[in-house]
Amino acid sequence: MSNIALATTTVTFTNSVNDLIDPTTVSLKYRSQDSYWVSKSYSGDITRSSQGVYTYEIPCAVTGNWFVEWYGATPDLEKVIKTSFSVNN
């Protein structure tokens, strides 16, 4: 039986004057260093914590480097925020 760690990833979306905004579309994709991208959407998977702040818990079944790309879009703005983290034994 393998152990699965949950890694919480959080993103904050702001406009050009740093006001928190809720994009019309919010999604993310993630992968470990040895796997394919997995996509998630706000409509069923991602949690809105407060205005402009969204979280998702990634089930990490393998050790190593993990990569995350958040995507947010409004009629006037598109933003991609990339991050990464490591899972150790």
C-alpha atoms as a PDB file:
ATOM      1  CA  MET A   1       0.000   0.000   0.000  1.00  0.00           C
ATOM      2  CA  SER A   2       1.433   3.385  -0.962  1.00  0.00           C
ATOM      3  CA  ASN A   3       1.222   6.490   1.155  1.00  0.00           C
ATOM      4  CA  ILE A   4      -0.402   9.514  -0.427  1.00  0.00           C
ATOM      5  CA  ALA A   5       0.527  12.934   0.891  1.00  0.00           C
ATOM      6  CA  LEU A   6      -1.741  15.908   0.247  1.00  0.00           C
ATOM      7  CA  ALA A   7       0.001  19.093  -0.817  1.00  0.00           C
ATOM      8  CA  THR A   8      -2.106  22.262  -0.673  1.00  0.00           C
ATOM      9  CA  THR A   9      -1.453  24.723  -3.462  1.00  0.00           C
ATOM     10  CA  THR A  10      -2.855  28.246  -3.220  1.00  0.00           C
ATOM     11  CA  VAL A  11      -3.042  31.053  -5.745  1.00  0.00           C
ATOM     12  CA  THR A  12      -3.973  34.724  -5.394  1.00  0.00           C
ATOM     13  CA  PHE A  13      -5.311  36.654  -8.380  1.00  0.00           C
ATOM     14  CA  THR A  14      -4.969  40.441  -8.480  1.00  0.00           C
ATOM     15  CA  ASN A  15      -5.559  43.113 -11.077  1.00  0.00           C
ATOM     16  CA  SER A  16      -3.081  45.759 -12.260  1.00  0.00           C
ATOM     17  CA  VAL A  17      -3.483  47.811  -9.049  1.00  0.00           C
ATOM     18  CA  ASN A  18      -3.169  44.733  -6.785  1.00  0.00           C
ATOM     19  CA  ASP A  19      -6.862  44.499  -5.874  1.00  0.00           C
ATOM     20  CA  LEU A  20      -8.018  40.926  -5.311  1.00  0.00           C
ATOM     21  CA  ILE A  21     -10.204  39.710  -8.172  1.00  0.00           C
ATOM     22  CA  ASP A  22     -12.202  36.592  -8.966  1.00  0.00           C
ATOM     23  CA  PRO A  23     -11.442  35.515 -12.522  1.00  0.00           C
ATOM     24  CA  THR A  24     -14.291  34.311 -14.712  1.00  0.00           C
ATOM     25  CA  THR A  25     -12.326  31.117 -15.342  1.00  0.00           C
ATOM     26  CA  VAL A  26     -10.028  29.421 -12.802  1.00  0.00           C
ATOM     27  CA  SER A  27      -8.204  26.173 -13.476  1.00  0.00           C
ATOM     28  CA  LEU A  28      -4.945  24.442 -12.721  1.00  0.00           C
ATOM     29  CA  LYS A  29      -2.837  21.626 -13.990  1.00  0.00           C
ATOM     30  CA  TYR A  30      -0.218  19.652 -12.073  1.00  0.00           C
ATOM     31  CA  ARG A  31       2.168  16.764 -12.520  1.00  0.00           C
ATOM     32  CA  SER A  32       5.043  14.981 -10.862  1.00  0.00           C
ATOM     33  CA  GLN A  33       8.407  14.953 -12.611  1.00  0.00           C
ATOM     34  CA  ASP A  34       7.624  11.530 -14.097  1.00  0.00           C
ATOM     35  CA  SER A  35       3.963  11.828 -15.066  1.00  0.00           C
ATOM     36  CA  TYR A  36       1.459  13.545 -17.313  1.00  0.00           C
ATOM     37  CA  TRP A  37      -0.404  16.786 -16.602  1.00  0.00           C
ATOM     38  CA  VAL A  38      -3.665  16.484 -14.657  1.00  0.00           C
ATOM     39  CA  SER A  39      -6.190  19.308 -15.129  1.00  0.00           C
ATOM     40  CA  LYS A  40      -8.710  20.577 -12.571  1.00  0.00           C
ATOM     41  CA  SER A  41     -11.352  23.291 -12.765  1.00  0.00           C
ATOM     42  CA  TYR A  42     -13.048  25.614 -10.319  1.00  0.00           C
ATOM     43  CA  SER A  43     -16.479  24.259 -11.180  1.00  0.00           C
ATOM     44  CA  GLY A  44     -15.866  21.011  -9.341  1.00  0.00           C
ATOM     45  CA  ASP A  45     -12.405  20.639  -7.879  1.00  0.00           C
ATOM     46  CA  ILE A  46     -10.833  23.922  -6.803  1.00  0.00           C
ATOM     47  CA  THR A  47     -11.936  25.731  -3.634  1.00  0.00           C
ATOM     48  CA  ARG A  48     -12.440  29.500  -3.452  1.00  0.00           C
ATOM     49  CA  SER A  49     -11.099  30.513  -0.018  1.00  0.00           C
ATOM     50  CA  SER A  50     -11.962  34.205  -0.333  1.00  0.00           C
ATOM     51  CA  GLN A  51     -12.086  36.839  -3.045  1.00  0.00           C
ATOM     52  CA  GLY A  52      -9.199  36.200  -5.420  1.00  0.00           C
ATOM     53  CA  VAL A  53      -7.794  33.272  -3.379  1.00  0.00           C
ATOM     54  CA  TYR A  54      -8.167  29.659  -4.552  1.00  0.00           C
ATOM     55  CA  THR A  55      -6.775  26.363  -3.229  1.00  0.00           C
ATOM     56  CA  TYR A  56      -6.493  22.747  -4.285  1.00  0.00           C
ATOM     57  CA  GLU A  57      -5.103  19.697  -2.489  1.00  0.00           C
ATOM     58  CA  ILE A  58      -2.864  17.650  -4.764  1.00  0.00           C
ATOM     59  CA  PRO A  59      -2.664  13.926  -3.935  1.00  0.00           C
ATOM     60  CA  CYS A  60       1.060  13.142  -4.151  1.00  0.00           C
ATOM     61  CA  ALA A  61       1.658   9.413  -4.417  1.00  0.00           C
ATOM     62  CA  VAL A  62       5.316   9.656  -5.451  1.00  0.00           C
ATOM     63  CA  THR A  63       8.344  11.499  -4.119  1.00  0.00           C
ATOM     64  CA  GLY A  64      10.196  14.056  -6.181  1.00  0.00           C
ATOM     65  CA  ASN A  65       9.452  17.362  -7.848  1.00  0.00           C
ATOM     66  CA  TRP A  66       5.908  18.451  -8.610  1.00  0.00           C
ATOM     67  CA  PHE A  67       4.866  21.262 -10.948  1.00  0.00           C
ATOM     68  CA  VAL A  68       1.714  23.396 -10.813  1.00  0.00           C
ATOM     69  CA  GLU A  69       0.292  25.937 -13.251  1.00  0.00           C
ATOM     70  CA  TRP A  70      -2.697  28.049 -12.215  1.00  0.00           C
ATOM     71  CA  TYR A  71      -4.751  29.813 -14.877  1.00  0.00           C
ATOM     72  CA  GLY A  72      -7.161  32.695 -14.345  1.00  0.00           C
ATOM     73  CA  ALA A  73      -9.024  34.708 -16.962  1.00  0.00           C
ATOM     74  CA  THR A  74     -11.419  37.636 -17.083  1.00  0.00           C
ATOM     75  CA  PRO A  75     -12.625  39.490 -20.161  1.00  0.00           C
ATOM     76  CA  ASP A  76      -9.702  41.940 -19.711  1.00  0.00           C
ATOM     77  CA  LEU A  77      -6.948  39.766 -18.253  1.00  0.00           C
ATOM     78  CA  GLU A  78      -5.312  36.354 -18.540  1.00  0.00           C
ATOM     79  CA  LYS A  79      -2.837  35.184 -15.935  1.00  0.00           C
ATOM     80  CA  VAL A  80      -0.718  32.040 -15.602  1.00  0.00           C
ATOM     81  CA  ILE A  81       1.055  31.486 -12.299  1.00  0.00           C
ATOM     82  CA  LYS A  82       3.620  28.681 -12.127  1.00  0.00           C
ATOM     83  CA  THR A  83       5.062  27.076  -9.016  1.00  0.00           C
ATOM     84  CA  SER A  84       6.708  23.846  -7.904  1.00  0.00           C
ATOM     85  CA  PHE A  85       7.384  21.873  -4.745  1.00  0.00           C
ATOM     86  CA  SER A  86       9.153  18.694  -3.618  1.00  0.00           C
ATOM     87  CA  VAL A  87       7.783  15.639  -1.857  1.00  0.00           C
ATOM     88  CA  ASN A  88      10.296  13.702   0.228  1.00  0.00           C
ATOM     89  CA  ASN A  89      10.058  10.293   1.895  1.00  0.00           C
END
